[in-house]
Structure formats: structure tokens, C-alpha cells
PDB file of N, CA and C in Angstrom:
ATOM      1  N   UNK A   1       8.060 -18.826  31.764  1.00  0.00           N
ATOM      2  CA  UNK A   1       7.277 -18.111  30.764  1.00  0.00           C
ATOM      3  C   UNK A   1       6.137 -18.962  30.252  1.00  0.00           C
ATOM      4  N   UNK A   2       5.042 -18.306  29.915  1.00  0.00           N
ATOM      5  CA  UNK A   2       3.911 -18.998  29.310  1.00  0.00           C
ATOM      6  C   UNK A   2       4.139 -19.137  27.814  1.00  0.00           C
ATOM      7  N   UNK A   3       3.689 -20.241  27.259  1.00  0.00           N
ATOM      8  CA  UNK A   3       3.789 -20.471  25.826  1.00  0.00           C
ATOM      9  C   UNK A   3       2.456 -20.925  25.276  1.00  0.00           C
ATOM     10  N   UNK A   4       2.271 -20.729  23.985  1.00  0.00           N
ATOM     11  CA  UNK A   4       1.014 -21.074  23.340  1.00  0.00           C
ATOM     12  C   UNK A   4       1.281 -21.761  22.011  1.00  0.00           C
ATOM     13  N   UNK A   5       0.626 -22.907  21.795  1.00  0.00           N
ATOM     14  CA  UNK A   5       0.615 -23.553  20.485  1.00  0.00           C
ATOM     15  C   UNK A   5      -0.736 -23.226  19.868  1.00  0.00           C
ATOM     16  N   UNK A   6      -0.740 -22.358  18.858  1.00  0.00           N
ATOM     17  CA  UNK A   6      -1.983 -22.005  18.172  1.00  0.00           C
ATOM     18  C   UNK A   6      -2.502 -23.232  17.431  1.00  0.00           C
ATOM     19  N   UNK A   7      -3.814 -23.336  17.255  1.00  0.00           N
ATOM     20  CA  UNK A   7      -4.418 -24.489  16.581  1.00  0.00           C
ATOM     21  C   UNK A   7      -3.810 -24.717  15.199  1.00  0.00           C
ATOM     22  N   UNK A   8      -3.397 -23.647  14.520  1.00  0.00           N
ATOM     23  CA  UNK A   8      -2.794 -23.784  13.190  1.00  0.00           C
ATOM     24  C   UNK A   8      -1.382 -24.351  13.246  1.00  0.00           C
ATOM     25  N   UNK A   9      -0.795 -24.419  14.441  1.00  0.00           N
ATOM     26  CA  UNK A   9       0.559 -24.951  14.607  1.00  0.00           C
ATOM     27  C   UNK A   9       0.568 -26.362  15.189  1.00  0.00           C
ATOM     28  N   UNK A  10      -0.610 -26.998  15.305  1.00  0.00           N
ATOM     29  CA  UNK A  10      -0.671 -28.360  15.829  1.00  0.00           C
ATOM     30  C   UNK A  10      -0.249 -29.391  14.791  1.00  0.00           C
ATOM     31  N   UNK A  11      -0.762 -29.261  13.565  1.00  0.00           N
ATOM     32  CA  UNK A  11      -0.486 -30.212  12.480  1.00  0.00           C
ATOM     33  C   UNK A  11      -0.429 -29.454  11.164  1.00  0.00           C
ATOM     34  N   UNK A  12       0.106 -30.108  10.129  1.00  0.00           N
ATOM     35  CA  UNK A  12       0.150 -29.484   8.806  1.00  0.00           C
ATOM     36  C   UNK A  12      -1.201 -29.495   8.109  1.00  0.00           C
ATOM     37  N   UNK A  13      -2.107 -30.363   8.543  1.00  0.00           N
ATOM     38  CA  UNK A  13      -3.444 -30.349   7.953  1.00  0.00           C
ATOM     39  C   UNK A  13      -4.414 -29.652   8.912  1.00  0.00           C
ATOM     40  N   UNK A  14      -5.610 -29.352   8.396  1.00  0.00           N
ATOM     41  CA  UNK A  14      -6.602 -28.626   9.194  1.00  0.00           C
ATOM     42  C   UNK A  14      -7.011 -29.442  10.420  1.00  0.00           C
ATOM     43  N   UNK A  15      -7.121 -28.750  11.537  1.00  0.00           N
ATOM     44  CA  UNK A  15      -7.546 -29.367  12.792  1.00  0.00           C
ATOM     45  C   UNK A  15      -8.897 -28.765  13.163  1.00  0.00           C
ATOM     46  N   UNK A  16      -9.906 -29.618  13.330  1.00  0.00           N
ATOM     47  CA  UNK A  16     -11.243 -29.140  13.678  1.00  0.00           C
ATOM     48  C   UNK A  16     -11.325 -28.665  15.114  1.00  0.00           C
ATOM     49  N   UNK A  17     -10.807 -29.463  16.041  1.00  0.00           N
ATOM     50  CA  UNK A  17     -10.797 -29.121  17.460  1.00  0.00           C
ATOM     51  C   UNK A  17      -9.437 -29.484  18.034  1.00  0.00           C
ATOM     52  N   UNK A  18      -8.963 -28.673  18.946  1.00  0.00           N
ATOM     53  CA  UNK A  18      -7.672 -28.919  19.585  1.00  0.00           C
ATOM     54  C   UNK A  18      -7.635 -30.314  20.193  1.00  0.00           C
ATOM     55  N   UNK A  19      -8.729 -30.738  20.805  1.00  0.00           N
ATOM     56  CA  UNK A  19      -8.759 -32.043  21.476  1.00  0.00           C
ATOM     57  C   UNK A  19      -8.732 -33.216  20.499  1.00  0.00           C
ATOM     58  N   UNK A  20      -8.832 -32.949  19.197  1.00  0.00           N
ATOM     59  CA  UNK A  20      -8.626 -33.998  18.200  1.00  0.00           C
ATOM     60  C   UNK A  20      -7.153 -34.397  18.138  1.00  0.00           C
ATOM     61  N   UNK A  21      -6.263 -33.508  18.596  1.00  0.00           N
ATOM     62  CA  UNK A  21      -4.820 -33.717  18.489  1.00  0.00           C
ATOM     63  C   UNK A  21      -4.157 -33.854  19.854  1.00  0.00           C
ATOM     64  N   UNK A  22      -4.604 -33.060  20.813  1.00  0.00           N
ATOM     65  CA  UNK A  22      -3.903 -32.953  22.089  1.00  0.00           C
ATOM     66  C   UNK A  22      -4.906 -32.725  23.214  1.00  0.00           C
ATOM     67  N   UNK A  23      -4.550 -33.151  24.400  1.00  0.00           N
ATOM     68  CA  UNK A  23      -5.384 -32.931  25.579  1.00  0.00           C
ATOM     69  C   UNK A  23      -4.550 -32.291  26.680  1.00  0.00           C
ATOM     70  N   UNK A  24      -5.210 -31.602  27.584  1.00  0.00           N
ATOM     71  CA  UNK A  24      -4.520 -30.975  28.703  1.00  0.00           C
ATOM     72  C   UNK A  24      -3.715 -32.031  29.458  1.00  0.00           C
ATOM     73  N   UNK A  25      -2.463 -31.702  29.738  1.00  0.00           N
ATOM     74  CA  UNK A  25      -1.583 -32.617  30.460  1.00  0.00           C
ATOM     75  C   UNK A  25      -0.683 -33.447  29.562  1.00  0.00           C
ATOM     76  N   UNK A  26      -0.969 -33.493  28.240  1.00  0.00           N
ATOM     77  CA  UNK A  26      -0.112 -34.233  27.315  1.00  0.00           C
ATOM     78  C   UNK A  26       1.269 -33.581  27.253  1.00  0.00           C
ATOM     79  N   UNK A  27       2.305 -34.402  27.169  1.00  0.00           N
ATOM     80  CA  UNK A  27       3.659 -33.894  26.969  1.00  0.00           C
ATOM     81  C   UNK A  27       3.979 -33.993  25.489  1.00  0.00           C
ATOM     82  N   UNK A  28       4.400 -32.872  24.910  1.00  0.00           N
ATOM     83  CA  UNK A  28       4.681 -32.807  23.477  1.00  0.00           C
ATOM     84  C   UNK A  28       6.008 -32.106  23.244  1.00  0.00           C
ATOM     85  N   UNK A  29       6.529 -32.287  22.044  1.00  0.00           N
ATOM     86  CA  UNK A  29       7.753 -31.608  21.636  1.00  0.00           C
ATOM     87  C   UNK A  29       7.351 -30.415  20.779  1.00  0.00           C
ATOM     88  N   UNK A  30       7.992 -29.265  21.020  1.00  0.00           N
ATOM     89  CA  UNK A  30       7.645 -28.034  20.313  1.00  0.00           C
ATOM     90  C   UNK A  30       8.902 -27.294  19.887  1.00  0.00           C
ATOM     91  N   UNK A  31       8.707 -26.338  18.985  1.00  0.00           N
ATOM     92  CA  UNK A  31       9.765 -25.418  18.573  1.00  0.00           C
ATOM     93  C   UNK A  31       9.283 -24.010  18.889  1.00  0.00           C
ATOM     94  N   UNK A  32      10.149 -23.190  19.450  1.00  0.00           N
ATOM     95  CA  UNK A  32       9.823 -21.783  19.693  1.00  0.00           C
ATOM     96  C   UNK A  32       9.896 -21.066  18.350  1.00  0.00           C
ATOM     97  N   UNK A  33       8.790 -20.423  17.954  1.00  0.00           N
ATOM     98  CA  UNK A  33       8.755 -19.735  16.664  1.00  0.00           C
ATOM     99  C   UNK A  33       8.653 -18.221  16.800  1.00  0.00           C
ATOM    100  N   UNK A  34       8.557 -17.718  18.025  1.00  0.00           N
ATOM    101  CA  UNK A  34       8.502 -16.277  18.209  1.00  0.00           C
ATOM    102  C   UNK A  34       7.904 -15.888  19.544  1.00  0.00           C
ATOM    103  N   UNK A  35       7.680 -14.578  19.675  1.00  0.00           N
ATOM    104  CA  UNK A  35       7.069 -14.000  20.874  1.00  0.00           C
ATOM    105  C   UNK A  35       5.932 -13.097  20.415  1.00  0.00           C
ATOM    106  N   UNK A  36       4.832 -13.082  21.181  1.00  0.00           N
ATOM    107  CA  UNK A  36       3.753 -12.171  20.823  1.00  0.00           C
ATOM    108  C   UNK A  36       3.950 -10.839  21.541  1.00  0.00           C
ATOM    109  N   UNK A  37       3.032  -9.903  21.307  1.00  0.00           N
ATOM    110  CA  UNK A  37       3.181  -8.555  21.864  1.00  0.00           C
ATOM    111  C   UNK A  37       3.008  -8.505  23.377  1.00  0.00           C
ATOM    112  N   UNK A  38       2.514  -9.581  23.984  1.00  0.00           N
ATOM    113  CA  UNK A  38       2.369  -9.630  25.441  1.00  0.00           C
ATOM    114  C   UNK A  38       3.510 -10.394  26.099  1.00  0.00           C
ATOM    115  N   UNK A  39       4.496 -10.802  25.308  1.00  0.00           N
ATOM    116  CA  UNK A  39       5.639 -11.516  25.852  1.00  0.00           C
ATOM    117  C   UNK A  39       5.442 -13.014  25.975  1.00  0.00           C
ATOM    118  N   UNK A  40       4.333 -13.528  25.450  1.00  0.00           N
ATOM    119  CA  UNK A  40       4.110 -14.981  25.493  1.00  0.00           C
ATOM    120  C   UNK A  40       4.878 -15.641  24.354  1.00  0.00           C
ATOM    121  N   UNK A  41       5.378 -16.828  24.637  1.00  0.00           N
ATOM    122  CA  UNK A  41       6.168 -17.569  23.665  1.00  0.00           C
ATOM    123  C   UNK A  41       5.233 -18.275  22.685  1.00  0.00           C
ATOM    124  N   UNK A  42       5.486 -18.091  21.370  1.00  0.00           N
ATOM    125  CA  UNK A  42       4.706 -18.765  20.333  1.00  0.00           C
ATOM    126  C   UNK A  42       5.421 -20.062  19.984  1.00  0.00           C
ATOM    127  N   UNK A  43       4.678 -21.185  20.055  1.00  0.00           N
ATOM    128  CA  UNK A  43       5.257 -22.511  19.868  1.00  0.00           C
ATOM    129  C   UNK A  43       4.601 -23.233  18.701  1.00  0.00           C
ATOM    130  N   UNK A  44       5.328 -24.190  18.112  1.00  0.00           N
ATOM    131  CA  UNK A  44       4.785 -25.005  17.030  1.00  0.00           C
ATOM    132  C   UNK A  44       5.072 -26.474  17.288  1.00  0.00           C
ATOM    133  N   UNK A  45       4.049 -27.301  17.109  1.00  0.00           N
ATOM    134  CA  UNK A  45       4.222 -28.758  17.154  1.00  0.00           C
ATOM    135  C   UNK A  45       4.406 -29.322  15.752  1.00  0.00           C
ATOM    136  N   UNK A  46       3.871 -28.638  14.741  1.00  0.00           N
ATOM    137  CA  UNK A  46       3.834 -29.205  13.399  1.00  0.00           C
ATOM    138  C   UNK A  46       5.198 -29.267  12.733  1.00  0.00           C
ATOM    139  N   UNK A  47       6.190 -28.547  13.245  1.00  0.00           N
ATOM    140  CA  UNK A  47       7.525 -28.578  12.646  1.00  0.00           C
ATOM    141  C   UNK A  47       8.500 -29.415  13.468  1.00  0.00           C
ATOM    142  N   UNK A  48       7.961 -30.231  14.388  1.00  0.00           N
ATOM    143  CA  UNK A  48       8.795 -31.093  15.227  1.00  0.00           C
ATOM    144  C   UNK A  48       8.234 -32.514  15.175  1.00  0.00           C
ATOM    145  N   UNK A  49       9.114 -33.486  14.901  1.00  0.00           N
ATOM    146  CA  UNK A  49       8.709 -34.893  14.932  1.00  0.00           C
ATOM    147  C   UNK A  49       8.385 -35.253  16.372  1.00  0.00           C
ATOM    148  N   UNK A  50       7.162 -35.672  16.644  1.00  0.00           N
ATOM    149  CA  UNK A  50       6.727 -35.939  18.014  1.00  0.00           C
ATOM    150  C   UNK A  50       7.356 -37.200  18.599  1.00  0.00           C
ATOM    151  N   UNK A  51       7.914 -38.065  17.764  1.00  0.00           N
ATOM    152  CA  UNK A  51       8.604 -39.261  18.259  1.00  0.00           C
ATOM    153  C   UNK A  51      10.051 -38.955  18.635  1.00  0.00           C
ATOM    154  N   UNK A  52      10.771 -38.276  17.721  1.00  0.00           N
ATOM    155  CA  UNK A  52      12.217 -38.085  17.898  1.00  0.00           C
ATOM    156  C   UNK A  52      12.594 -36.712  18.430  1.00  0.00           C
ATOM    157  N   UNK A  53      11.726 -35.718  18.242  1.00  0.00           N
ATOM    158  CA  UNK A  53      12.051 -34.349  18.626  1.00  0.00           C
ATOM    159  C   UNK A  53      12.843 -33.610  17.564  1.00  0.00           C
ATOM    160  N   UNK A  54      13.109 -34.272  16.427  1.00  0.00           N
ATOM    161  CA  UNK A  54      13.860 -33.628  15.351  1.00  0.00           C
ATOM    162  C   UNK A  54      12.996 -32.596  14.645  1.00  0.00           C
ATOM    163  N   UNK A  55      13.663 -31.504  14.208  1.00  0.00           N
ATOM    164  CA  UNK A  55      12.954 -30.460  13.481  1.00  0.00           C
ATOM    165  C   UNK A  55      12.592 -30.958  12.090  1.00  0.00           C
ATOM    166  N   UNK A  56      11.372 -30.671  11.663  1.00  0.00           N
ATOM    167  CA  UNK A  56      10.878 -31.069  10.351  1.00  0.00           C
ATOM    168  C   UNK A  56      10.833 -29.868   9.425  1.00  0.00           C
ATOM    169  N   UNK A  57      10.878 -30.138   8.128  1.00  0.00           N
ATOM    170  CA  UNK A  57      10.729 -29.079   7.141  1.00  0.00           C
ATOM    171  C   UNK A  57       9.275 -28.616   7.141  1.00  0.00           C
ATOM    172  N   UNK A  58       9.075 -27.316   6.992  1.00  0.00           N
ATOM    173  CA  UNK A  58       7.715 -26.767   6.930  1.00  0.00           C
ATOM    174  C   UNK A  58       7.150 -27.064   5.547  1.00  0.00           C
ATOM    175  N   UNK A  59       6.228 -28.020   5.466  1.00  0.00           N
ATOM    176  CA  UNK A  59       5.671 -28.439   4.179  1.00  0.00           C
ATOM    177  C   UNK A  59       4.308 -27.830   3.899  1.00  0.00           C
ATOM    178  N   UNK A  60       3.840 -26.987   4.784  1.00  0.00           N
ATOM    179  CA  UNK A  60       2.520 -26.374   4.585  1.00  0.00           C
ATOM    180  C   UNK A  60       2.609 -25.360   3.451  1.00  0.00           C
ATOM    181  N   UNK A  61       1.692 -25.427   2.475  1.00  0.00           N
ATOM    182  CA  UNK A  61       1.736 -24.459   1.375  1.00  0.00           C
ATOM    183  C   UNK A  61       1.420 -23.057   1.877  1.00  0.00           C
ATOM    184  N   UNK A  62       1.987 -22.035   1.218  1.00  0.00           N
ATOM    185  CA  UNK A  62       1.680 -20.660   1.637  1.00  0.00           C
ATOM    186  C   UNK A  62       0.198 -20.357   1.455  1.00  0.00           C
ATOM    187  N   UNK A  63      -0.317 -19.480   2.309  1.00  0.00           N
ATOM    188  CA  UNK A  63      -1.736 -19.126   2.243  1.00  0.00           C
ATOM    189  C   UNK A  63      -2.006 -18.227   1.055  1.00  0.00           C
ATOM    190  N   UNK A  64      -3.176 -18.421   0.467  1.00  0.00           N
ATOM    191  CA  UNK A  64      -3.617 -17.604  -0.659  1.00  0.00           C
ATOM    192  C   UNK A  64      -4.171 -16.280  -0.136  1.00  0.00           C
ATOM    193  N   UNK A  65      -3.976 -15.181  -0.878  1.00  0.00           N
ATOM    194  CA  UNK A  65      -4.624 -13.923  -0.476  1.00  0.00           C
ATOM    195  C   UNK A  65      -6.135 -14.099  -0.483  1.00  0.00           C
ATOM    196  N   UNK A  66      -6.820 -13.408   0.434  1.00  0.00           N
ATOM    197  CA  UNK A  66      -8.260 -13.611   0.594  1.00  0.00           C
ATOM    198  C   UNK A  66      -9.108 -12.533  -0.054  1.00  0.00           C
ATOM    199  N   UNK A  67      -8.552 -11.738  -0.939  1.00  0.00           N
ATOM    200  CA  UNK A  67      -9.377 -10.763  -1.646  1.00  0.00           C
ATOM    201  C   UNK A  67      -9.324  -9.387  -1.023  1.00  0.00           C
ATOM    202  N   UNK A  68     -10.339  -8.595  -1.314  1.00  0.00           N
ATOM    203  CA  UNK A  68     -10.395  -7.202  -0.871  1.00  0.00           C
ATOM    204  C   UNK A  68     -10.880  -7.122   0.561  1.00  0.00           C
ATOM    205  N   UNK A  69      -9.989  -7.306   1.479  1.00  0.00           N
ATOM    206  CA  UNK A  69     -10.333  -7.266   2.895  1.00  0.00           C
ATOM    207  C   UNK A  69      -9.557  -6.139   3.548  1.00  0.00           C
ATOM    208  N   UNK A  70     -10.112  -5.594   4.614  1.00  0.00           N
ATOM    209  CA  UNK A  70      -9.398  -4.559   5.357  1.00  0.00           C
ATOM    210  C   UNK A  70      -8.502  -5.165   6.430  1.00  0.00           C
ATOM    211  N   UNK A  71      -8.382  -6.487   6.432  1.00  0.00           N
ATOM    212  CA  UNK A  71      -7.471  -7.147   7.352  1.00  0.00           C
ATOM    213  C   UNK A  71      -8.078  -7.571   8.666  1.00  0.00           C
ATOM    214  N   UNK A  72      -9.380  -7.320   8.858  1.00  0.00           N
ATOM    215  CA  UNK A  72      -9.988  -7.687  10.136  1.00  0.00           C
ATOM    216  C   UNK A  72     -10.585  -9.091  10.115  1.00  0.00           C
ATOM    217  N   UNK A  73     -10.453  -9.805   8.980  1.00  0.00           N
ATOM    218  CA  UNK A  73     -10.954 -11.162   8.892  1.00  0.00           C
ATOM    219  C   UNK A  73     -12.434 -11.264   8.589  1.00  0.00           C
ATOM    220  N   UNK A  74     -13.087 -10.146   8.379  1.00  0.00           N
ATOM    221  CA  UNK A  74     -14.521 -10.135   8.120  1.00  0.00           C
ATOM    222  C   UNK A  74     -14.753  -9.436   6.789  1.00  0.00           C
ATOM    223  N   UNK A  75     -15.121 -10.189   5.756  1.00  0.00           N
ATOM    224  CA  UNK A  75     -15.285  -9.624   4.421  1.00  0.00           C
ATOM    225  C   UNK A  75     -16.720  -9.199   4.121  1.00  0.00           C
ATOM    226  N   UNK A  76     -17.598  -9.237   5.139  1.00  0.00           N
ATOM    227  CA  UNK A  76     -18.979  -8.810   4.920  1.00  0.00           C
ATOM    228  C   UNK A  76     -19.039  -7.292   4.786  1.00  0.00           C
ATOM    229  N   UNK A  77     -19.970  -6.789   3.966  1.00  0.00           N
ATOM    230  CA  UNK A  77     -20.109  -5.330   3.870  1.00  0.00           C
ATOM    231  C   UNK A  77     -20.560  -4.743   5.204  1.00  0.00           C
ATOM    232  N   UNK A  78     -20.102  -3.569   5.484  1.00  0.00           N
ATOM    233  CA  UNK A  78     -20.446  -2.888   6.734  1.00  0.00           C
ATOM    234  C   UNK A  78     -21.813  -2.222   6.617  1.00  0.00           C
ATOM    235  N   UNK A  79     -22.605  -2.323   7.676  1.00  0.00           N
ATOM    236  CA  UNK A  79     -23.867  -1.587   7.756  1.00  0.00           C
ATOM    237  C   UNK A  79     -23.635  -0.449   8.734  1.00  0.00           C
ATOM    238  N   UNK A  80     -23.816   0.740   8.256  1.00  0.00           N
ATOM    239  CA  UNK A  80     -23.599   1.901   9.118  1.00  0.00           C
ATOM    240  C   UNK A  80     -24.917   2.364   9.711  1.00  0.00           C
ATOM    241  N   UNK A  81     -24.852   2.731  10.974  1.00  0.00           N
ATOM    242  CA  UNK A  81     -26.025   3.299  11.634  1.00  0.00           C
ATOM    243  C   UNK A  81     -26.152   4.760  11.230  1.00  0.00           C
ATOM    244  N   UNK A  82     -27.384   5.258  11.164  1.00  0.00           N
ATOM    245  CA  UNK A  82     -27.536   6.693  10.880  1.00  0.00           C
ATOM    246  C   UNK A  82     -26.956   7.509  12.032  1.00  0.00           C
ATOM    247  N   UNK A  83     -26.416   8.661  11.698  1.00  0.00           N
ATOM    248  CA  UNK A  83     -25.840   9.530  12.723  1.00  0.00           C
ATOM    249  C   UNK A  83     -26.918  10.062  13.639  1.00  0.00           C
ATOM    250  N   UNK A  84     -26.560  10.201  14.899  1.00  0.00           N
ATOM    251  CA  UNK A  84     -27.489  10.795  15.865  1.00  0.00           C
ATOM    252  C   UNK A  84     -27.265  12.299  15.878  1.00  0.00           C
ATOM    253  N   UNK A  85     -28.343  13.044  15.925  1.00  0.00           N
ATOM    254  CA  UNK A  85     -28.216  14.499  16.018  1.00  0.00           C
ATOM    255  C   UNK A  85     -27.673  14.868  17.386  1.00  0.00           C
ATOM    256  N   UNK A  86     -26.935  15.959  17.452  1.00  0.00           N
ATOM    257  CA  UNK A  86     -26.354  16.411  18.714  1.00  0.00           C
ATOM    258  C   UNK A  86     -27.431  16.778  19.729  1.00  0.00           C
ATOM    259  N   UNK A  87     -28.640  17.142  19.270  1.00  0.00           N
ATOM    260  CA  UNK A  87     -29.719  17.543  20.167  1.00  0.00           C
ATOM    261  C   UNK A  87     -30.335  16.352  20.896  1.00  0.00           C
ATOM    262  N   UNK A  88     -30.114  15.145  20.424  1.00  0.00           N
ATOM    263  CA  UNK A  88     -30.735  13.969  21.058  1.00  0.00           C
ATOM    264  C   UNK A  88     -30.093  13.617  22.350  1.00  0.00           C
TER     265      UNK A  88
END
């Protein structure tokens, strides 16, 4: 099965680029945290001690709500195009 470590699961602090933490071919210890809708395994490095392989407590603070959003991650106001007439 294919697995994925999302950038947010690399470390408990913000990661600017994946290659700041890991490179292709590196061997790391991970924890399976779930499955996505395509059947890929979701993995986390941040909850596993990379030296011992022991599971760590999740110390990341919960995320704050981001305000009046429709959930698409884009809080900019929408610009609507004028409707086209059916005759066009």
C-alpha cells in the first residue's frame, strides 16, 4: 500500500519545505493515523520518536477557527461574472 506523510505531520512546528526535514530515500519511523478516501495510508512522523520509534504524546495545540469561511480555504470575497443571455 502507498502511504503519505503530509507536511503538517512531519514535525510539531511549522515546516517551510519538506526537504527541510526529509529527503527522498530517507528511512523514518511513522505511525499510521488513518486512511484517505482513495485508500492511501495517512502517516505521521511527528508523533514518533525518530531515534527509538516510541510513540510520543501529541503536543501540538488545537487549531483556532479561521472565521466565516465556507470551508474551501479561501476567505476572499467571490466575484461573480454577469450571466450570459441564452441567445448568445
